[in-house]
Protein backbone atom coordinates (compact mmCIF):
# COMPACT_ATOMS: atom_id res chain seq x y z
CA MET A 1 107.07 -107.56 -34.25
CA LYS A 2 105.24 -108.00 -37.55
CA ILE A 3 105.32 -106.21 -40.90
CA LYS A 4 102.56 -105.11 -43.26
CA GLN A 5 102.16 -107.47 -46.24
CA LYS A 6 100.16 -107.36 -49.47
CA ASN A 7 99.68 -109.80 -52.33
CA LYS A 8 100.59 -108.11 -55.59
CA ALA A 9 101.47 -109.24 -59.11
CA TYR A 10 105.18 -108.86 -59.84
CA GLU A 11 104.58 -106.73 -62.94
CA LYS A 12 102.60 -104.30 -60.74
CA VAL A 13 105.44 -104.14 -58.22
CA LEU A 14 107.81 -103.16 -61.04
CA GLU A 15 105.62 -100.11 -61.67
CA ILE A 16 106.11 -98.78 -58.12
CA PRO A 17 108.53 -95.80 -58.17
CA VAL A 18 111.56 -95.81 -55.89
CA PRO A 19 110.73 -93.74 -52.77
CA PRO A 20 112.42 -90.32 -52.83
CA ARG A 21 115.29 -89.81 -50.45
CA LYS A 22 114.31 -87.57 -47.53
CA LYS A 23 116.64 -85.69 -45.23
CA PRO A 24 116.88 -87.00 -41.65
CA ARG A 25 114.76 -85.37 -38.96
CA LYS A 26 115.78 -84.51 -35.44
CA PRO A 27 113.84 -86.83 -33.10
CA LEU A 28 110.79 -85.28 -31.48
CA PHE A 29 111.40 -84.55 -27.79
CA ILE A 30 108.10 -86.10 -26.68
CA LEU A 31 108.97 -89.36 -28.45
CA LYS A 32 112.46 -89.32 -26.91
CA TRP A 33 110.88 -88.96 -23.48
CA ILE A 34 108.37 -91.77 -24.10
CA ILE A 35 111.12 -94.12 -25.30
CA LYS A 36 113.26 -93.17 -22.30
CA ALA A 37 110.42 -93.89 -19.88
CA PHE A 38 109.55 -97.19 -21.49
CA SER A 39 113.20 -98.23 -21.65
CA ALA A 40 113.86 -97.26 -18.03
CA PHE A 41 111.03 -99.48 -16.82
CA ASP A 42 112.12 -102.40 -18.99
CA LEU A 43 115.81 -102.14 -18.08
CA PHE A 44 115.07 -101.77 -14.34
CA ARG A 45 113.00 -104.95 -14.53
CA LEU A 46 115.92 -106.72 -16.26
CA GLY A 47 118.54 -105.48 -13.80
CA ALA A 48 120.54 -103.74 -16.52
CA ARG A 49 123.97 -102.37 -15.58
CA PHE A 50 126.18 -99.92 -17.47
CA THR A 51 129.92 -99.37 -17.17
CA GLU A 52 131.98 -96.84 -19.06
CA SER A 53 135.51 -95.71 -19.82
CA GLY A 54 136.69 -92.37 -21.14
CA MET A 55 133.18 -90.97 -21.55
CA GLU A 56 134.13 -87.80 -19.66
CA LYS A 57 135.93 -86.78 -22.87
CA LEU A 58 132.66 -86.50 -24.77
CA GLY A 59 130.95 -83.13 -24.48
CA LYS A 60 127.32 -83.17 -23.38
CA LYS A 61 126.20 -81.58 -26.63
CA GLU A 62 129.01 -82.92 -28.83
CA PRO A 63 127.74 -85.13 -31.68
CA ALA A 64 129.40 -88.55 -31.92
CA LEU A 65 129.38 -91.72 -33.99
CA ILE A 66 128.11 -94.47 -31.67
CA LEU A 67 128.89 -98.01 -32.81
CA MET A 68 126.94 -100.79 -31.11
CA ASN A 69 126.78 -104.56 -31.46
CA HIS A 70 123.41 -106.04 -32.38
CA SER A 71 121.71 -108.97 -30.63
CA CYS A 72 118.02 -108.09 -30.31
CA PHE A 73 115.57 -105.17 -30.05
CA LEU A 74 116.68 -104.57 -26.46
CA ASP A 75 119.89 -103.03 -27.86
CA LEU A 76 117.98 -99.94 -28.97
CA GLU A 77 116.33 -99.54 -25.56
CA MET A 78 119.73 -99.62 -23.87
CA ALA A 79 121.20 -97.02 -26.22
CA GLU A 80 118.24 -94.65 -25.88
CA HIS A 81 118.27 -95.03 -22.09
CA TYR A 82 122.01 -94.49 -21.60
CA PHE A 83 122.46 -91.56 -23.98
CA TYR A 84 119.28 -89.63 -23.06
CA PRO A 85 118.77 -86.65 -23.46
CA ARG A 86 121.26 -86.74 -26.34
CA SER A 87 119.42 -86.86 -29.66
CA LEU A 88 120.19 -89.95 -31.73
CA SER A 89 119.85 -90.42 -35.47
CA ILE A 90 119.57 -94.19 -35.80
CA VAL A 91 120.74 -95.95 -38.94
CA CYS A 92 117.97 -98.48 -39.53
CA THR A 93 117.19 -101.20 -42.05
CA SER A 94 114.75 -99.84 -44.64
CA ASP A 95 112.19 -102.61 -44.06
CA GLY A 96 111.78 -101.23 -40.55
CA PHE A 97 110.00 -98.26 -42.17
CA VAL A 98 107.31 -100.38 -43.84
CA GLY A 99 103.89 -99.32 -42.61
CA LYS A 100 105.32 -96.82 -40.11
CA GLU A 101 107.51 -94.38 -42.05
CA PHE A 102 106.24 -91.25 -40.27
CA LEU A 103 106.88 -92.72 -36.81
CA MET A 104 110.36 -93.99 -37.71
CA ARG A 105 111.40 -90.63 -39.12
CA SER A 106 109.92 -88.84 -36.11
CA ILE A 107 112.15 -90.78 -33.72
CA GLY A 108 115.18 -89.93 -35.87
CA CYS A 109 115.73 -93.11 -37.89
CA ILE A 110 117.66 -93.05 -41.16
CA PRO A 111 116.75 -95.86 -43.59
CA THR A 112 119.29 -97.89 -45.53
CA GLN A 113 119.39 -101.29 -47.23
CA LYS A 114 121.55 -103.86 -45.49
CA PHE A 115 124.68 -104.84 -47.43
CA VAL A 116 123.79 -102.60 -50.37
CA PRO A 117 126.25 -99.77 -51.24
CA ASP A 118 124.58 -96.48 -50.31
CA MET A 119 126.40 -93.16 -50.78
CA ASN A 120 123.25 -91.28 -49.76
CA LEU A 121 123.60 -92.78 -46.28
CA ILE A 122 126.93 -90.99 -45.78
CA ARG A 123 125.31 -87.70 -46.82
CA ASP A 124 122.43 -88.30 -44.42
CA MET A 125 124.78 -89.09 -41.54
CA SER A 126 126.84 -85.99 -42.24
CA TYR A 127 123.68 -83.86 -42.39
CA ALA A 128 122.46 -85.27 -39.07
CA LEU A 129 125.78 -84.59 -37.35
CA LYS A 130 126.56 -81.16 -38.77
CA THR A 131 123.14 -79.61 -39.40
CA LEU A 132 120.84 -81.30 -36.88
CA GLY A 133 123.52 -81.67 -34.21
CA THR A 134 122.47 -85.24 -33.43
CA SER A 135 124.69 -88.22 -32.72
CA ILE A 136 124.63 -91.22 -35.05
CA LEU A 137 123.74 -94.63 -33.61
CA MET A 138 124.91 -97.34 -35.98
CA TYR A 139 125.07 -101.13 -35.83
CA PRO A 140 128.12 -101.74 -38.05
CA GLU A 141 127.59 -105.52 -38.07
CA ALA A 142 124.26 -104.80 -39.85
CA SER A 143 122.90 -108.21 -38.80
CA TYR A 144 122.09 -110.08 -35.63
CA SER A 145 124.72 -112.54 -34.45
CA PHE A 146 123.85 -116.17 -35.18
CA ASP A 147 126.37 -117.81 -32.83
CA GLY A 148 126.87 -115.11 -30.20
CA THR A 149 130.13 -113.78 -31.64
CA ALA A 150 130.75 -110.69 -33.75
CA THR A 151 129.75 -110.76 -37.41
CA PRO A 152 132.03 -109.22 -40.10
CA LEU A 153 132.49 -105.46 -40.08
CA PRO A 154 132.73 -103.40 -43.29
CA SER A 155 136.23 -102.31 -44.29
CA SER A 156 134.78 -98.87 -45.08
CA LEU A 157 134.41 -98.00 -41.37
CA GLY A 158 137.86 -96.43 -41.15
CA GLY A 159 137.16 -94.12 -44.07
CA LEU A 160 133.76 -93.19 -42.62
CA VAL A 161 135.34 -92.20 -39.29
CA LYS A 162 137.90 -89.98 -41.02
CA LEU A 163 135.19 -88.40 -43.18
CA LEU A 164 132.72 -87.61 -40.38
CA LYS A 165 135.37 -86.06 -38.08
CA VAL A 166 133.49 -86.70 -34.83
CA PRO A 167 134.34 -88.80 -31.75
CA VAL A 168 133.77 -92.55 -32.01
CA VAL A 169 132.03 -94.23 -29.06
CA THR A 170 131.38 -97.96 -28.76
CA MET A 171 128.58 -99.61 -26.81
CA ILE A 172 129.06 -103.36 -26.41
CA THR A 173 126.26 -105.24 -24.70
CA TYR A 174 126.41 -108.44 -22.69
CA GLY A 175 123.51 -110.72 -21.85
CA ASN A 176 121.30 -109.43 -24.66
CA TYR A 177 122.13 -112.29 -27.00
CA LEU A 178 121.69 -114.89 -24.27
CA LYS A 179 118.36 -113.40 -23.26
CA ASN A 180 116.91 -113.52 -26.76
CA PRO A 181 119.09 -115.40 -29.29
CA LEU A 182 117.64 -115.18 -32.78
CA TYR A 183 117.65 -118.96 -33.28
CA ASN A 184 115.54 -119.66 -30.16
CA GLU A 185 112.15 -119.15 -31.84
CA LEU A 186 111.57 -115.70 -30.27
CA GLN A 187 111.49 -117.16 -26.74
CA ILE A 188 112.80 -114.94 -23.93
CA ARG A 189 115.11 -116.32 -21.24
CA LYS A 190 115.81 -114.90 -17.77
CA VAL A 191 119.24 -113.28 -18.07
CA LYS A 192 120.53 -110.01 -16.62
CA VAL A 193 121.86 -107.59 -19.21
CA GLY A 194 124.32 -104.73 -19.40
CA ALA A 195 126.70 -102.79 -21.60
CA HIS A 196 130.14 -101.18 -21.58
CA VAL A 197 130.35 -97.75 -23.19
CA LYS A 198 133.77 -96.53 -24.32
CA TYR A 199 135.15 -93.33 -25.83
CA LEU A 200 137.26 -95.00 -28.49
CA ILE A 201 138.64 -92.45 -30.96
CA SER A 202 138.80 -88.67 -30.80
CA PRO A 203 138.55 -86.52 -33.96
CA GLU A 204 142.20 -85.56 -33.45
CA GLU A 205 143.26 -89.21 -33.30
CA ALA A 206 141.22 -90.03 -36.40
CA LYS A 207 143.29 -87.51 -38.36
CA THR A 208 146.58 -89.25 -37.50
CA LEU A 209 145.41 -92.89 -37.67
CA THR A 210 145.20 -94.74 -40.97
CA GLU A 211 141.90 -96.28 -42.07
CA LEU A 212 143.37 -99.71 -41.32
CA GLU A 213 144.40 -98.66 -37.81
CA ILE A 214 140.91 -97.30 -37.14
CA ASN A 215 139.36 -100.54 -38.40
CA GLU A 216 141.65 -102.57 -36.15
CA ARG A 217 140.78 -100.49 -33.11
CA ILE A 218 137.03 -100.87 -33.75
CA GLN A 219 137.44 -104.58 -34.49
CA GLY A 220 139.17 -104.96 -31.14
CA GLU A 221 135.99 -103.83 -29.38
CA PHE A 222 133.83 -106.14 -31.53
CA SER A 223 135.60 -109.31 -30.45
CA PHE A 224 133.11 -110.77 -28.01
CA ASP A 225 131.84 -114.30 -27.39
CA ASN A 226 128.53 -114.49 -25.52
CA PHE A 227 128.76 -118.21 -24.76
CA ALA A 228 132.27 -117.80 -23.33
CA TRP A 229 131.09 -114.78 -21.30
CA GLN A 230 128.20 -116.85 -19.95
CA LYS A 231 130.49 -119.62 -18.72
CA GLU A 232 133.16 -117.29 -17.33
CA ASN A 233 130.56 -115.37 -15.32
CA GLY A 234 128.67 -118.40 -14.04
CA ILE A 235 125.43 -117.44 -15.80
CA LYS A 236 122.89 -120.27 -15.67
CA ILE A 237 120.14 -120.50 -18.27
CA THR A 238 117.71 -123.10 -17.00
CA GLU A 239 114.79 -122.70 -19.40
CA PRO A 240 113.71 -126.08 -20.80
CA PHE A 241 113.49 -124.60 -24.32
CA ARG A 242 117.02 -123.19 -24.47
CA ALA A 243 118.03 -125.40 -27.44
CA ASP A 244 114.84 -124.87 -29.45
CA GLY A 245 115.90 -123.91 -32.97
CA LEU A 246 119.63 -124.38 -32.29
CA ASN A 247 119.75 -126.48 -35.46
CA ARG A 248 119.51 -123.19 -37.36
CA VAL A 249 123.06 -122.45 -36.19
CA LEU A 250 124.39 -126.02 -35.82
CA TYR A 251 122.97 -127.35 -39.09
CA LYS A 252 125.72 -129.88 -39.89
CA CYS A 253 126.47 -133.03 -37.90
CA PRO A 254 130.21 -133.27 -37.13
CA HIS A 255 129.92 -137.05 -36.75
CA CYS A 256 128.18 -138.25 -39.93
CA MET A 257 128.66 -134.94 -41.82
CA THR A 258 124.98 -134.80 -42.80
CA GLU A 259 123.40 -131.36 -43.29
CA GLY A 260 119.84 -130.33 -42.59
CA LYS A 261 119.03 -133.28 -40.31
CA MET A 262 119.81 -131.59 -37.00
CA VAL A 263 116.82 -130.89 -34.73
CA GLY A 264 117.04 -128.48 -31.80
CA LYS A 265 114.32 -129.13 -29.24
CA GLY A 266 114.15 -128.68 -25.51
CA ILE A 267 117.70 -128.76 -24.21
CA THR A 268 119.23 -130.92 -26.97
CA VAL A 269 120.22 -130.72 -30.61
CA LYS A 270 120.11 -134.12 -32.27
CA CYS A 271 121.11 -135.54 -35.66
CA GLN A 272 118.23 -137.50 -37.16
CA GLU A 273 120.62 -139.27 -39.51
CA CYS A 274 123.09 -140.87 -37.07
CA GLY A 275 121.28 -140.30 -33.76
CA VAL A 276 124.07 -138.40 -31.98
CA SER A 277 122.62 -135.91 -29.50
CA TYR A 278 124.21 -132.90 -27.80
CA THR A 279 122.90 -131.16 -24.69
CA LEU A 280 123.07 -127.39 -24.37
CA CYS A 281 124.06 -127.18 -20.71
CA GLU A 282 122.89 -124.50 -18.29
CA ASP A 283 126.32 -122.78 -18.48
CA GLY A 284 126.15 -122.55 -22.30
CA SER A 285 128.55 -125.40 -23.02
CA LEU A 286 127.75 -128.52 -25.06
CA SER A 287 127.96 -132.09 -23.78
CA CYS A 288 127.57 -135.44 -25.50
CA ASP A 289 127.01 -138.63 -23.46
CA LYS A 290 127.22 -141.59 -25.83
CA VAL A 291 130.21 -140.58 -27.98
CA GLU A 292 133.15 -138.22 -27.60
CA ALA A 293 131.98 -134.65 -28.19
CA LYS A 294 133.43 -133.04 -31.30
CA PHE A 295 132.63 -129.62 -29.87
CA THR A 296 131.81 -128.26 -26.43
CA HIS A 297 131.42 -124.62 -27.53
CA VAL A 298 128.71 -123.42 -29.94
CA PRO A 299 130.92 -120.84 -31.73
CA ASP A 300 133.59 -123.53 -32.34
CA TRP A 301 130.99 -125.71 -34.07
CA TYR A 302 129.82 -122.73 -36.13
CA LYS A 303 133.42 -121.86 -37.09
CA TRP A 304 133.94 -125.47 -38.21
CA GLU A 305 130.86 -125.14 -40.42
CA ARG A 306 132.38 -122.02 -41.95
CA ASP A 307 135.59 -123.95 -42.67
CA GLN A 308 133.53 -126.74 -44.24
CA VAL A 309 131.74 -124.27 -46.52
CA ARG A 310 135.03 -122.66 -47.55
CA ASP A 311 136.45 -126.07 -48.46
CA GLU A 312 133.34 -126.86 -50.53
CA ILE A 313 133.78 -123.62 -52.45
CA LYS A 314 137.46 -124.29 -53.11
CA ARG A 315 136.66 -127.79 -54.38
CA GLY A 316 133.98 -126.35 -56.66
CA GLU A 317 131.27 -128.36 -54.90
CA TYR A 318 129.23 -125.64 -53.21
CA LYS A 319 125.78 -124.96 -54.62
CA LEU A 320 122.42 -123.91 -53.22
CA ASP A 321 119.37 -124.56 -55.38
CA ILE A 322 116.07 -124.32 -53.51
CA PRO A 323 112.41 -123.36 -53.99
CA VAL A 324 111.42 -120.14 -52.21
CA GLU A 325 108.45 -117.91 -51.49
CA ILE A 326 109.28 -114.39 -52.70
CA CYS A 327 108.42 -111.03 -51.18
CA VAL A 328 109.59 -107.72 -52.62
CA MET A 329 110.21 -104.36 -50.97
CA ALA A 330 109.69 -101.50 -53.40
CA ASP A 331 108.37 -98.74 -51.12
CA TYR A 332 107.47 -98.14 -47.47
CA LYS A 333 103.79 -99.03 -47.80
CA ALA A 334 104.08 -102.83 -47.58
CA ILE A 335 106.11 -105.92 -48.31
CA TYR A 336 104.63 -107.41 -51.47
CA ARG A 337 104.09 -111.14 -51.81
CA VAL A 338 104.68 -111.87 -55.50
CA GLY A 339 104.69 -115.68 -55.63
CA GLU A 340 107.12 -118.56 -55.84
CA GLY A 341 110.52 -118.97 -57.41
CA ARG A 342 113.92 -120.57 -57.19
CA LEU A 343 117.09 -119.31 -55.54
CA VAL A 344 120.47 -120.52 -56.76
CA HIS A 345 123.78 -119.64 -55.11
CA ASP A 346 127.20 -120.81 -56.28
CA GLU A 347 130.64 -119.44 -57.14
CA ASN A 348 128.99 -117.05 -59.63
CA GLY A 349 126.77 -115.47 -56.98
CA PHE A 350 122.99 -115.43 -56.60
CA VAL A 351 120.34 -116.02 -59.25
CA LEU A 352 116.69 -115.58 -58.29
CA THR A 353 114.01 -116.57 -60.80
CA GLY A 354 110.26 -116.88 -60.49
CA CYS A 355 106.85 -115.29 -60.94
CA ASP A 356 106.12 -117.34 -64.07
CA GLY A 357 109.35 -116.30 -65.76
CA GLN A 358 108.92 -112.56 -65.15
CA LEU A 359 111.57 -112.32 -62.43
CA GLU A 360 115.29 -112.87 -62.92
CA TYR A 361 117.70 -111.12 -60.59
CA ARG A 362 121.47 -111.76 -60.44
CA GLN A 363 123.96 -110.68 -57.80
CA THR A 364 127.71 -111.23 -58.06
CA PRO A 365 129.81 -112.68 -55.19
CA VAL A 366 131.67 -109.38 -54.74
CA PHE A 367 128.49 -107.29 -54.47
CA SER A 368 128.76 -107.39 -50.66
CA TYR A 369 131.04 -108.75 -47.96
CA SER A 370 128.09 -110.39 -46.18
CA LEU A 371 124.43 -111.32 -46.60
CA TYR A 372 121.18 -110.11 -45.09
CA ALA A 373 119.86 -113.35 -43.62
CA ASP A 374 117.67 -113.78 -40.56
CA TYR A 375 115.59 -116.27 -38.61
CA PHE A 376 111.86 -115.65 -37.95
CA TRP A 377 111.99 -112.42 -39.98
CA TYR A 378 109.08 -110.29 -38.71
CA GLU A 379 107.54 -113.56 -37.49
CA ILE A 380 107.12 -114.77 -41.10
CA GLY A 381 110.00 -117.23 -41.34
CA ASP A 382 113.71 -117.69 -42.04
CA VAL A 383 114.81 -115.40 -44.84
CA ILE A 384 117.61 -114.73 -47.31
CA CYS A 385 117.49 -111.20 -48.69
CA ILE A 386 119.24 -109.99 -51.86
CA GLY A 387 118.67 -106.95 -54.03
CA ASP A 388 119.80 -103.44 -54.89
CA ARG A 389 118.80 -99.86 -54.18
CA LYS A 390 115.65 -100.19 -56.31
CA ARG A 391 114.21 -103.39 -54.86
CA LEU A 392 114.94 -105.96 -52.19
CA TYR A 393 113.95 -109.60 -52.66
CA TYR A 394 113.09 -111.55 -49.51
CA CYS A 395 113.39 -115.28 -50.18
CA PHE A 396 111.77 -117.69 -47.73
CA PRO A 397 113.18 -121.23 -48.18
CA LYS A 398 110.64 -124.03 -48.31
CA GLY A 399 111.22 -126.85 -45.84
CA CYS A 400 115.01 -126.56 -45.63
CA ASP A 401 117.48 -125.19 -43.07
CA VAL A 402 119.93 -123.22 -45.23
CA VAL A 403 120.04 -119.65 -43.95
CA ALA A 404 123.22 -119.93 -41.85
CA LYS A 405 125.14 -121.87 -44.49
CA THR A 406 124.16 -119.41 -47.22
CA ARG A 407 125.39 -116.45 -45.17
CA LEU A 408 128.66 -118.25 -44.44
CA ALA A 409 129.04 -119.13 -48.13
CA ALA A 410 128.38 -115.54 -49.24
CA GLU A 411 131.05 -114.24 -46.82
CA GLU A 412 133.62 -116.84 -47.85
CA LEU A 413 132.94 -116.40 -51.57
CA TYR A 414 133.49 -112.66 -51.17
CA LYS A 415 136.86 -113.23 -49.49
CA ILE A 416 137.98 -115.75 -52.12
CA LYS A 417 136.89 -113.63 -55.09
CA MET A 418 138.41 -110.43 -53.69
CA LYS A 419 141.69 -112.24 -53.05
CA GLN A 420 141.67 -113.57 -56.61
CA ARG A 421 140.97 -110.08 -57.92
CA ALA A 422 143.85 -108.60 -55.89
CA GLU A 423 146.26 -111.30 -57.08
CA LYS A 424 145.24 -110.72 -60.71
CA SER A 425 145.74 -106.98 -60.44
CA SER A 426 149.20 -107.44 -58.93
CA ASP A 427 150.41 -109.66 -61.79
């Protein structure tokens, strides 16, 4: 999928007014039917299977908050197929509206900026539930999984559930990540897919549970590991390109500790600095022939990288300082290419400068608990996105593999700074 782009001077982008907030629309029936038909064909071809628990408790016309994990575009097809003819209002990243706002609103999508506080979103969700009578489909992780495990969930979920006062349903997919992992250069593998749908919390329960208890219950459902599931279920992925791009996730060599020299190609990921090579086996495990393997499980390697980043931050050694190509989102007409700049990230947060000195944007470490970062964003390239409700800045690193580390660093900096803030307030 691609996105409409235009070259535009940064000073001209600043003149673009913020798009007015529009109330959600109930999805058009004809579009619901078309999506259902398309999804049914696709899912039949993929051998999709659905299981459920407690769903008899949900009334056929009772609006609900549906929380789903996010691996690839197939997730939406599965949700639309399973819940049809129930009308869904889908919380969607605002850049998904670029060049197709009318269509997105017609199928019931509600735009929001990822990892940007948005009180209007809560109003829109409430309006959709209470006035339109639609259910809300939401991906609370807000980003695709890099390593096949759950990404951080917002602590505000518990409060949202208590505020909306509707049943909470979870839909957790399996196979979707393995079929189309974001790192794998948009290449599709032959894997059967499915999902488990669960009635998780009733409105009556939500009244008695604390926000923390609600968060813990939701977190319990979002505790999956796709690579472990693959091995446990004997799933074989035999494609000869299965490790292409794996260096985007496994960017640091655990042997020589060099970063940015890993190359994922074919079925191996190899360090160009020390020469150590790992094979991504057909069952999803890692093997290493010439030396003892430091890791045999991709998520374990990724977790070690997180620990390494956290240690860098605590030692005061973490810093990102890279040249980037900059695009800006200011409305739904296009993504505007405004030129080149420099992105810096350290314990003080993000600083983006560029466009011949006209652009300077700063974002503190406690602005958000995570970071909008993706691989092959709309087939343009790896991206780090920062910004506020007025504008989003899409930064495309030049010739360096830093997206995963930057997201890890943003998450760890948030935790460290929030802990420091809590300790200071308790003194």
